[in-house]
PDB file of all heavy atoms in Angstrom:
ATOM      1  N   GLY A   1      10.604 -28.139  25.373  1.00  0.00           N
ATOM      2  CA  GLY A   1       9.213 -28.550  25.262  1.00  0.00           C
ATOM      3  C   GLY A   1       8.232 -27.392  25.265  1.00  0.00           C
ATOM      4  O   GLY A   1       7.155 -27.499  25.855  1.00  0.00           O
ATOM      5  N   VAL A   2       8.579 -26.283  24.612  1.00  0.00           N
ATOM      6  CA  VAL A   2       7.704 -25.113  24.520  1.00  0.00           C
ATOM      7  C   VAL A   2       7.439 -24.811  23.047  1.00  0.00           C
ATOM      8  O   VAL A   2       8.380 -24.738  22.243  1.00  0.00           O
ATOM      9  CB  VAL A   2       8.325 -23.882  25.204  1.00  0.00           C
ATOM     10  CG1 VAL A   2       7.393 -22.679  25.051  1.00  0.00           C
ATOM     11  CG2 VAL A   2       8.576 -24.157  26.673  1.00  0.00           C
ATOM     12  N   ILE A   3       6.151 -24.671  22.712  1.00  0.00           N
ATOM     13  CA  ILE A   3       5.764 -24.297  21.347  1.00  0.00           C
ATOM     14  C   ILE A   3       5.455 -22.803  21.331  1.00  0.00           C
ATOM     15  O   ILE A   3       4.660 -22.313  22.135  1.00  0.00           O
ATOM     16  CB  ILE A   3       4.539 -25.091  20.878  1.00  0.00           C
ATOM     17  CG1 ILE A   3       4.862 -26.593  20.788  1.00  0.00           C
ATOM     18  CG2 ILE A   3       4.055 -24.582  19.532  1.00  0.00           C
ATOM     19  CD1 ILE A   3       3.683 -27.451  20.400  1.00  0.00           C
ATOM     20  N   SER A   4       6.098 -22.107  20.421  1.00  0.00           N
ATOM     21  CA  SER A   4       5.815 -20.687  20.199  1.00  0.00           C
ATOM     22  C   SER A   4       5.148 -20.545  18.833  1.00  0.00           C
ATOM     23  O   SER A   4       5.724 -20.959  17.821  1.00  0.00           O
ATOM     24  CB  SER A   4       7.100 -19.858  20.249  1.00  0.00           C
ATOM     25  OG  SER A   4       7.732 -19.994  21.511  1.00  0.00           O
ATOM     26  N   ALA A   5       3.960 -20.003  18.813  1.00  0.00           N
ATOM     27  CA  ALA A   5       3.181 -19.900  17.572  1.00  0.00           C
ATOM     28  C   ALA A   5       2.736 -18.459  17.360  1.00  0.00           C
ATOM     29  O   ALA A   5       2.487 -17.716  18.312  1.00  0.00           O
ATOM     30  CB  ALA A   5       1.973 -20.833  17.621  1.00  0.00           C
ATOM     31  N   GLU A   6       2.617 -18.090  16.088  1.00  0.00           N
ATOM     32  CA  GLU A   6       2.213 -16.728  15.744  1.00  0.00           C
ATOM     33  C   GLU A   6       1.485 -16.734  14.406  1.00  0.00           C
ATOM     34  O   GLU A   6       1.806 -17.508  13.509  1.00  0.00           O
ATOM     35  CB  GLU A   6       3.445 -15.813  15.664  1.00  0.00           C
ATOM     36  CG  GLU A   6       3.104 -14.348  15.452  1.00  0.00           C
ATOM     37  CD  GLU A   6       4.339 -13.460  15.439  1.00  0.00           C
ATOM     38  OE1 GLU A   6       5.432 -13.973  15.104  1.00  0.00           O
ATOM     39  OE2 GLU A   6       4.216 -12.265  15.758  1.00  0.00           O
ATOM     40  N   ARG A   7       0.514 -15.858  14.297  1.00  0.00           N
ATOM     41  CA  ARG A   7      -0.190 -15.657  13.022  1.00  0.00           C
ATOM     42  C   ARG A   7      -0.673 -14.206  12.945  1.00  0.00           C
ATOM     43  O   ARG A   7      -0.646 -13.470  13.940  1.00  0.00           O
ATOM     44  CB  ARG A   7      -1.369 -16.613  12.895  1.00  0.00           C
ATOM     45  CG  ARG A   7      -2.577 -16.208  13.687  1.00  0.00           C
ATOM     46  CD  ARG A   7      -3.753 -17.116  13.442  1.00  0.00           C
ATOM     47  NE  ARG A   7      -4.930 -16.638  14.152  1.00  0.00           N
ATOM     48  CZ  ARG A   7      -6.048 -17.340  14.263  1.00  0.00           C
ATOM     49  NH1 ARG A   7      -6.126 -18.552  13.740  1.00  0.00           N
ATOM     50  NH2 ARG A   7      -7.084 -16.839  14.921  1.00  0.00           N
ATOM     51  N   GLY A   8      -1.118 -13.810  11.728  1.00  0.00           N
ATOM     52  CA  GLY A   8      -1.649 -12.468  11.551  1.00  0.00           C
ATOM     53  C   GLY A   8      -0.611 -11.443  11.158  1.00  0.00           C
ATOM     54  O   GLY A   8      -0.838 -10.238  11.305  1.00  0.00           O
ATOM     55  N   ARG A   9       0.525 -11.889  10.650  1.00  0.00           N
ATOM     56  CA  ARG A   9       1.537 -10.910  10.246  1.00  0.00           C
ATOM     57  C   ARG A   9       1.127 -10.140   8.995  1.00  0.00           C
ATOM     58  O   ARG A   9       1.735  -9.125   8.667  1.00  0.00           O
ATOM     59  CB  ARG A   9       2.877 -11.604  10.005  1.00  0.00           C
ATOM     60  CG  ARG A   9       3.482 -12.183  11.271  1.00  0.00           C
ATOM     61  CD  ARG A   9       4.907 -12.578  11.073  1.00  0.00           C
ATOM     62  NE  ARG A   9       5.506 -13.072  12.317  1.00  0.00           N
ATOM     63  CZ  ARG A   9       6.783 -13.369  12.461  1.00  0.00           C
ATOM     64  NH1 ARG A   9       7.600 -13.224  11.444  1.00  0.00           N
ATOM     65  NH2 ARG A   9       7.246 -13.803  13.615  1.00  0.00           N
ATOM     66  N   LEU A  10       0.108 -10.625   8.288  1.00  0.00           N
ATOM     67  CA  LEU A  10      -0.363  -9.895   7.103  1.00  0.00           C
ATOM     68  C   LEU A  10      -1.098  -8.607   7.464  1.00  0.00           C
ATOM     69  O   LEU A  10      -1.383  -7.789   6.592  1.00  0.00           O
ATOM     70  CB  LEU A  10      -1.282 -10.787   6.265  1.00  0.00           C
ATOM     71  CG  LEU A  10      -0.606 -11.938   5.523  1.00  0.00           C
ATOM     72  CD1 LEU A  10      -1.639 -12.754   4.768  1.00  0.00           C
ATOM     73  CD2 LEU A  10       0.448 -11.405   4.562  1.00  0.00           C
ATOM     74  N   ARG A  11      -1.401  -8.430   8.751  1.00  0.00           N
ATOM     75  CA  ARG A  11      -2.054  -7.180   9.158  1.00  0.00           C
ATOM     76  C   ARG A  11      -1.150  -5.992   8.852  1.00  0.00           C
ATOM     77  O   ARG A  11      -1.597  -4.970   8.305  1.00  0.00           O
ATOM     78  CB  ARG A  11      -2.385  -7.222  10.644  1.00  0.00           C
ATOM     79  CG  ARG A  11      -3.068  -5.951  11.144  1.00  0.00           C
ATOM     80  CD  ARG A  11      -3.224  -6.009  12.644  1.00  0.00           C
ATOM     81  NE  ARG A  11      -3.841  -4.793  13.163  1.00  0.00           N
ATOM     82  CZ  ARG A  11      -5.140  -4.589  13.300  1.00  0.00           C
ATOM     83  NH1 ARG A  11      -5.982  -5.552  12.948  1.00  0.00           N
ATOM     84  NH2 ARG A  11      -5.608  -3.466  13.773  1.00  0.00           N
ATOM     85  N   GLU A  12       0.124  -6.110   9.169  1.00  0.00           N
ATOM     86  CA  GLU A  12       1.055  -5.029   8.876  1.00  0.00           C
ATOM     87  C   GLU A  12       1.216  -4.854   7.370  1.00  0.00           C
ATOM     88  O   GLU A  12       1.389  -3.739   6.880  1.00  0.00           O
ATOM     89  CB  GLU A  12       2.403  -5.308   9.530  1.00  0.00           C
ATOM     90  CG  GLU A  12       3.454  -4.238   9.290  1.00  0.00           C
ATOM     91  CD  GLU A  12       3.067  -2.875   9.850  1.00  0.00           C
ATOM     92  OE1 GLU A  12       2.188  -2.813  10.739  1.00  0.00           O
ATOM     93  OE2 GLU A  12       3.632  -1.864   9.388  1.00  0.00           O
ATOM     94  N   ALA A  13       1.130  -5.980   6.627  1.00  0.00           N
ATOM     95  CA  ALA A  13       1.172  -5.874   5.161  1.00  0.00           C
ATOM     96  C   ALA A  13      -0.020  -5.079   4.651  1.00  0.00           C
ATOM     97  O   ALA A  13       0.090  -4.297   3.701  1.00  0.00           O
ATOM     98  CB  ALA A  13       1.192  -7.262   4.534  1.00  0.00           C
ATOM     99  N   GLY A  14      -1.189  -5.266   5.293  1.00  0.00           N
ATOM    100  CA  GLY A  14      -2.361  -4.473   4.913  1.00  0.00           C
ATOM    101  C   GLY A  14      -2.146  -2.996   5.172  1.00  0.00           C
ATOM    102  O   GLY A  14      -2.523  -2.154   4.355  1.00  0.00           O
ATOM    103  N   ASN A  15      -1.526  -2.666   6.315  1.00  0.00           N
ATOM    104  CA  ASN A  15      -1.233  -1.261   6.609  1.00  0.00           C
ATOM    105  C   ASN A  15      -0.285  -0.667   5.573  1.00  0.00           C
ATOM    106  O   ASN A  15      -0.482   0.449   5.083  1.00  0.00           O
ATOM    107  CB  ASN A  15      -0.624  -1.131   8.007  1.00  0.00           C
ATOM    108  CG  ASN A  15      -1.643  -1.406   9.097  1.00  0.00           C
ATOM    109  OD1 ASN A  15      -2.828  -1.162   8.924  1.00  0.00           O
ATOM    110  ND2 ASN A  15      -1.186  -1.926  10.221  1.00  0.00           N
ATOM    111  N   LEU A  16       0.775  -1.430   5.258  1.00  0.00           N
ATOM    112  CA  LEU A  16       1.728  -0.951   4.252  1.00  0.00           C
ATOM    113  C   LEU A  16       1.067  -0.803   2.890  1.00  0.00           C
ATOM    114  O   LEU A  16       1.316   0.160   2.157  1.00  0.00           O
ATOM    115  CB  LEU A  16       2.906  -1.920   4.165  1.00  0.00           C
ATOM    116  CG  LEU A  16       3.909  -1.876   5.314  1.00  0.00           C
ATOM    117  CD1 LEU A  16       4.932  -3.003   5.170  1.00  0.00           C
ATOM    118  CD2 LEU A  16       4.625  -0.538   5.358  1.00  0.00           C
ATOM    119  N   LEU A  17       0.212  -1.770   2.551  1.00  0.00           N
ATOM    120  CA  LEU A  17      -0.469  -1.723   1.263  1.00  0.00           C
ATOM    121  C   LEU A  17      -1.380  -0.501   1.174  1.00  0.00           C
ATOM    122  O   LEU A  17      -1.481   0.144   0.120  1.00  0.00           O
ATOM    123  CB  LEU A  17      -1.287  -3.002   1.058  1.00  0.00           C
ATOM    124  CG  LEU A  17      -1.774  -3.289  -0.367  1.00  0.00           C
ATOM    125  CD1 LEU A  17      -0.594  -3.446  -1.311  1.00  0.00           C
ATOM    126  CD2 LEU A  17      -2.629  -4.544  -0.383  1.00  0.00           C
ATOM    127  N   PHE A  18      -2.016  -0.155   2.278  1.00  0.00           N
ATOM    128  CA  PHE A  18      -2.877   1.026   2.285  1.00  0.00           C
ATOM    129  C   PHE A  18      -2.059   2.297   2.052  1.00  0.00           C
ATOM    130  O   PHE A  18      -2.446   3.173   1.275  1.00  0.00           O
ATOM    131  CB  PHE A  18      -3.629   1.118   3.608  1.00  0.00           C
ATOM    132  CG  PHE A  18      -4.545   2.304   3.701  1.00  0.00           C
ATOM    133  CD1 PHE A  18      -5.771   2.295   3.071  1.00  0.00           C
ATOM    134  CD2 PHE A  18      -4.162   3.434   4.411  1.00  0.00           C
ATOM    135  CE1 PHE A  18      -6.616   3.386   3.143  1.00  0.00           C
ATOM    136  CE2 PHE A  18      -5.003   4.533   4.487  1.00  0.00           C
ATOM    137  CZ  PHE A  18      -6.232   4.509   3.857  1.00  0.00           C
ATOM    138  N   HIS A  19      -0.909   2.401   2.710  1.00  0.00           N
ATOM    139  CA  HIS A  19      -0.056   3.572   2.514  1.00  0.00           C
ATOM    140  C   HIS A  19       0.492   3.628   1.086  1.00  0.00           C
ATOM    141  O   HIS A  19       0.575   4.699   0.477  1.00  0.00           O
ATOM    142  CB  HIS A  19       1.104   3.555   3.517  1.00  0.00           C
ATOM    143  CG  HIS A  19       0.678   3.865   4.923  1.00  0.00           C
ATOM    144  ND1 HIS A  19       0.141   2.912   5.756  1.00  0.00           N
ATOM    145  CD2 HIS A  19       0.691   5.021   5.629  1.00  0.00           C
ATOM    146  CE1 HIS A  19      -0.144   3.460   6.917  1.00  0.00           C
ATOM    147  NE2 HIS A  19       0.182   4.745   6.876  1.00  0.00           N
ATOM    148  N   ILE A  20       0.859   2.470   0.557  1.00  0.00           N
ATOM    149  CA  ILE A  20       1.357   2.425  -0.819  1.00  0.00           C
ATOM    150  C   ILE A  20       0.253   2.827  -1.788  1.00  0.00           C
ATOM    151  O   ILE A  20       0.499   3.507  -2.792  1.00  0.00           O
ATOM    152  CB  ILE A  20       1.893   1.018  -1.143  1.00  0.00           C
ATOM    153  CG1 ILE A  20       3.169   0.736  -0.334  1.00  0.00           C
ATOM    154  CG2 ILE A  20       2.189   0.872  -2.630  1.00  0.00           C
ATOM    155  CD1 ILE A  20       3.669  -0.689  -0.450  1.00  0.00           C
ATOM    156  N   SER A  21      -0.997   2.435  -1.480  1.00  0.00           N
ATOM    157  CA  SER A  21      -2.112   2.768  -2.376  1.00  0.00           C
ATOM    158  C   SER A  21      -2.311   4.281  -2.466  1.00  0.00           C
ATOM    159  O   SER A  21      -2.622   4.802  -3.541  1.00  0.00           O
ATOM    160  CB  SER A  21      -3.393   2.096  -1.885  1.00  0.00           C
ATOM    161  OG  SER A  21      -3.855   2.697  -0.684  1.00  0.00           O
ATOM    162  N   VAL A  22      -2.146   4.984  -1.352  1.00  0.00           N
ATOM    163  CA  VAL A  22      -2.259   6.451  -1.391  1.00  0.00           C
ATOM    164  C   VAL A  22      -1.191   7.025  -2.312  1.00  0.00           C
ATOM    165  O   VAL A  22      -1.463   7.934  -3.114  1.00  0.00           O
ATOM    166  CB  VAL A  22      -2.130   7.037   0.029  1.00  0.00           C
ATOM    167  CG1 VAL A  22      -2.169   8.561  -0.025  1.00  0.00           C
ATOM    168  CG2 VAL A  22      -3.243   6.517   0.922  1.00  0.00           C
ATOM    169  N   LEU A  23       0.008   6.473  -2.228  1.00  0.00           N
ATOM    170  CA  LEU A  23       1.096   6.928  -3.094  1.00  0.00           C
ATOM    171  C   LEU A  23       0.786   6.632  -4.562  1.00  0.00           C
ATOM    172  O   LEU A  23       1.040   7.462  -5.444  1.00  0.00           O
ATOM    173  CB  LEU A  23       2.394   6.248  -2.675  1.00  0.00           C
ATOM    174  CG  LEU A  23       3.684   6.727  -3.337  1.00  0.00           C
ATOM    175  CD1 LEU A  23       3.923   8.201  -3.064  1.00  0.00           C
ATOM    176  CD2 LEU A  23       4.877   5.909  -2.850  1.00  0.00           C
ATOM    177  N   VAL A  24       0.220   5.439  -4.820  1.00  0.00           N
ATOM    178  CA  VAL A  24      -0.128   5.070  -6.198  1.00  0.00           C
ATOM    179  C   VAL A  24      -1.202   6.006  -6.755  1.00  0.00           C
ATOM    180  O   VAL A  24      -1.139   6.434  -7.910  1.00  0.00           O
ATOM    181  CB  VAL A  24      -0.598   3.600  -6.257  1.00  0.00           C
ATOM    182  CG1 VAL A  24      -1.145   3.252  -7.636  1.00  0.00           C
ATOM    183  CG2 VAL A  24       0.557   2.664  -5.923  1.00  0.00           C
ATOM    184  N   VAL A  25      -2.197   6.338  -5.929  1.00  0.00           N
ATOM    185  CA  VAL A  25      -3.251   7.256  -6.373  1.00  0.00           C
ATOM    186  C   VAL A  25      -2.658   8.619  -6.707  1.00  0.00           C
ATOM    187  O   VAL A  25      -3.004   9.242  -7.732  1.00  0.00           O
ATOM    188  CB  VAL A  25      -4.341   7.384  -5.294  1.00  0.00           C
ATOM    189  CG1 VAL A  25      -5.312   8.511  -5.636  1.00  0.00           C
ATOM    190  CG2 VAL A  25      -5.104   6.078  -5.159  1.00  0.00           C
ATOM    191  N   LEU A  26      -1.754   9.106  -5.864  1.00  0.00           N
ATOM    192  CA  LEU A  26      -1.110  10.392  -6.127  1.00  0.00           C
ATOM    193  C   LEU A  26      -0.299  10.357  -7.414  1.00  0.00           C
ATOM    194  O   LEU A  26      -0.308  11.313  -8.198  1.00  0.00           O
ATOM    195  CB  LEU A  26      -0.211  10.775  -4.946  1.00  0.00           C
ATOM    196  CG  LEU A  26      -0.932  11.097  -3.626  1.00  0.00           C
ATOM    197  CD1 LEU A  26       0.086  11.343  -2.522  1.00  0.00           C
ATOM    198  CD2 LEU A  26      -1.843  12.293  -3.786  1.00  0.00           C
ATOM    199  N   VAL A  27       0.396   9.246  -7.644  1.00  0.00           N
ATOM    200  CA  VAL A  27       1.162   9.109  -8.886  1.00  0.00           C
ATOM    201  C   VAL A  27       0.231   9.090 -10.092  1.00  0.00           C
ATOM    202  O   VAL A  27       0.516   9.700 -11.130  1.00  0.00           O
ATOM    203  CB  VAL A  27       2.029   7.829  -8.847  1.00  0.00           C
ATOM    204  CG1 VAL A  27       2.647   7.550 -10.209  1.00  0.00           C
ATOM    205  CG2 VAL A  27       3.125   7.964  -7.800  1.00  0.00           C
ATOM    206  N   GLY A  28      -0.922   8.405  -9.954  1.00  0.00           N
ATOM    207  CA  GLY A  28      -1.886   8.362 -11.050  1.00  0.00           C
ATOM    208  C   GLY A  28      -2.410   9.742 -11.402  1.00  0.00           C
ATOM    209  O   GLY A  28      -2.495  10.115 -12.581  1.00  0.00           O
ATOM    210  N   PHE A  29      -2.741  10.522 -10.376  1.00  0.00           N
ATOM    211  CA  PHE A  29      -3.217  11.881 -10.638  1.00  0.00           C
ATOM    212  C   PHE A  29      -2.116  12.752 -11.246  1.00  0.00           C
ATOM    213  O   PHE A  29      -2.385  13.581 -12.124  1.00  0.00           O
ATOM    214  CB  PHE A  29      -3.731  12.515  -9.348  1.00  0.00           C
ATOM    215  CG  PHE A  29      -5.098  12.045  -8.946  1.00  0.00           C
ATOM    216  CD1 PHE A  29      -5.343  11.565  -7.676  1.00  0.00           C
ATOM    217  CD2 PHE A  29      -6.147  12.064  -9.847  1.00  0.00           C
ATOM    218  CE1 PHE A  29      -6.601  11.118  -7.303  1.00  0.00           C
ATOM    219  CE2 PHE A  29      -7.408  11.625  -9.496  1.00  0.00           C
ATOM    220  CZ  PHE A  29      -7.635  11.148  -8.211  1.00  0.00           C
ATOM    221  N   SER A  30      -0.896  12.576 -10.775  1.00  0.00           N
ATOM    222  CA  SER A  30       0.197  13.383 -11.328  1.00  0.00           C
ATOM    223  C   SER A  30       0.461  13.028 -12.787  1.00  0.00           C
ATOM    224  O   SER A  30       0.801  13.902 -13.592  1.00  0.00           O
ATOM    225  CB  SER A  30       1.465  13.188 -10.495  1.00  0.00           C
ATOM    226  OG  SER A  30       1.932  11.852 -10.577  1.00  0.00           O
ATOM    227  N   MET A  31       0.287  11.748 -13.154  1.00  0.00           N
ATOM    228  CA  MET A  31       0.440  11.359 -14.557  1.00  0.00           C
ATOM    229  C   MET A  31      -0.589  12.081 -15.433  1.00  0.00           C
ATOM    230  O   MET A  31      -0.271  12.538 -16.532  1.00  0.00           O
ATOM    231  CB  MET A  31       0.282   9.841 -14.700  1.00  0.00           C
ATOM    232  CG  MET A  31       1.433   9.022 -14.165  1.00  0.00           C
ATOM    233  SD  MET A  31       1.110   7.241 -14.268  1.00  0.00           S
ATOM    234  CE  MET A  31       0.893   7.040 -16.032  1.00  0.00           C
ATOM    235  N   GLY A  32      -1.824  12.179 -14.907  1.00  0.00           N
ATOM    236  CA  GLY A  32      -2.852  12.865 -15.672  1.00  0.00           C
ATOM    237  C   GLY A  32      -2.556  14.345 -15.857  1.00  0.00           C
ATOM    238  O   GLY A  32      -2.766  14.901 -16.933  1.00  0.00           O
ATOM    239  N   SER A  33      -2.036  15.004 -14.794  1.00  0.00           N
ATOM    240  CA  SER A  33      -1.749  16.432 -14.895  1.00  0.00           C
ATOM    241  C   SER A  33      -0.492  16.714 -15.708  1.00  0.00           C
ATOM    242  O   SER A  33      -0.352  17.796 -16.276  1.00  0.00           O
ATOM    243  CB  SER A  33      -1.591  17.021 -13.492  1.00  0.00           C
ATOM    244  OG  SER A  33      -0.509  16.416 -12.813  1.00  0.00           O
ATOM    245  N   LEU A  34       0.419  15.750 -15.803  1.00  0.00           N
ATOM    246  CA  LEU A  34       1.662  15.957 -16.560  1.00  0.00           C
ATOM    247  C   LEU A  34       1.497  15.616 -18.034  1.00  0.00           C
ATOM    248  O   LEU A  34       1.950  16.359 -18.916  1.00  0.00           O
ATOM    249  CB  LEU A  34       2.789  15.127 -15.958  1.00  0.00           C
ATOM    250  CG  LEU A  34       3.329  15.570 -14.594  1.00  0.00           C
ATOM    251  CD1 LEU A  34       4.338  14.565 -14.072  1.00  0.00           C
ATOM    252  CD2 LEU A  34       3.951  16.952 -14.670  1.00  0.00           C
ATOM    253  N   PHE A  35       0.854  14.487 -18.319  1.00  0.00           N
ATOM    254  CA  PHE A  35       0.799  13.993 -19.698  1.00  0.00           C
ATOM    255  C   PHE A  35      -0.576  14.135 -20.343  1.00  0.00           C
ATOM    256  O   PHE A  35      -0.724  13.867 -21.530  1.00  0.00           O
ATOM    257  CB  PHE A  35       1.210  12.510 -19.740  1.00  0.00           C
ATOM    258  CG  PHE A  35       2.594  12.251 -19.233  1.00  0.00           C
ATOM    259  CD1 PHE A  35       2.814  11.782 -17.951  1.00  0.00           C
ATOM    260  CD2 PHE A  35       3.694  12.502 -20.045  1.00  0.00           C
ATOM    261  CE1 PHE A  35       4.091  11.547 -17.479  1.00  0.00           C
ATOM    262  CE2 PHE A  35       4.979  12.261 -19.583  1.00  0.00           C
ATOM    263  CZ  PHE A  35       5.183  11.797 -18.293  1.00  0.00           C
ATOM    264  N   GLY A  36      -1.573  14.540 -19.569  1.00  0.00           N
ATOM    265  CA  GLY A  36      -2.913  14.668 -20.129  1.00  0.00           C
ATOM    266  C   GLY A  36      -3.243  16.099 -20.511  1.00  0.00           C
ATOM    267  O   GLY A  36      -2.389  16.987 -20.517  1.00  0.00           O
ATOM    268  N   TYR A  37      -4.485  16.321 -20.822  1.00  0.00           N
ATOM    269  CA  TYR A  37      -4.961  17.665 -21.141  1.00  0.00           C
ATOM    270  C   TYR A  37      -6.461  17.713 -20.902  1.00  0.00           C
ATOM    271  O   TYR A  37      -7.133  16.683 -20.765  1.00  0.00           O
ATOM    272  CB  TYR A  37      -4.644  18.055 -22.586  1.00  0.00           C
ATOM    273  CG  TYR A  37      -5.327  17.200 -23.635  1.00  0.00           C
ATOM    274  CD1 TYR A  37      -6.610  17.506 -24.089  1.00  0.00           C
ATOM    275  CD2 TYR A  37      -4.698  16.088 -24.184  1.00  0.00           C
ATOM    276  CE1 TYR A  37      -7.241  16.731 -25.047  1.00  0.00           C
ATOM    277  CE2 TYR A  37      -5.313  15.308 -25.151  1.00  0.00           C
ATOM    278  CZ  TYR A  37      -6.585  15.636 -25.574  1.00  0.00           C
ATOM    279  OH  TYR A  37      -7.214  14.868 -26.523  1.00  0.00           O
ATOM    280  N   LYS A  38      -6.975  18.931 -20.843  1.00  0.00           N
ATOM    281  CA  LYS A  38      -8.403  19.137 -20.665  1.00  0.00           C
ATOM    282  C   LYS A  38      -8.799  20.382 -21.438  1.00  0.00           C
ATOM    283  O   LYS A  38      -8.108  21.401 -21.382  1.00  0.00           O
ATOM    284  CB  LYS A  38      -8.734  19.294 -19.184  1.00  0.00           C
ATOM    285  CG  LYS A  38     -10.224  19.406 -18.889  1.00  0.00           C
ATOM    286  CD  LYS A  38     -10.459  19.557 -17.405  1.00  0.00           C
ATOM    287  CE  LYS A  38     -10.070  18.299 -16.662  1.00  0.00           C
ATOM    288  NZ  LYS A  38     -10.339  18.412 -15.214  1.00  0.00           N
TER     289      LYS A  38
END
């Protein structure tokens, strides 16, 4: 007769998404320096 409830697990997904976004930005810049020109 005990209810265990939890919410807010997407907070960690937000943290992971933020770290992944930094990696994506770095990949985007590297694509420009490898395949682009100025």
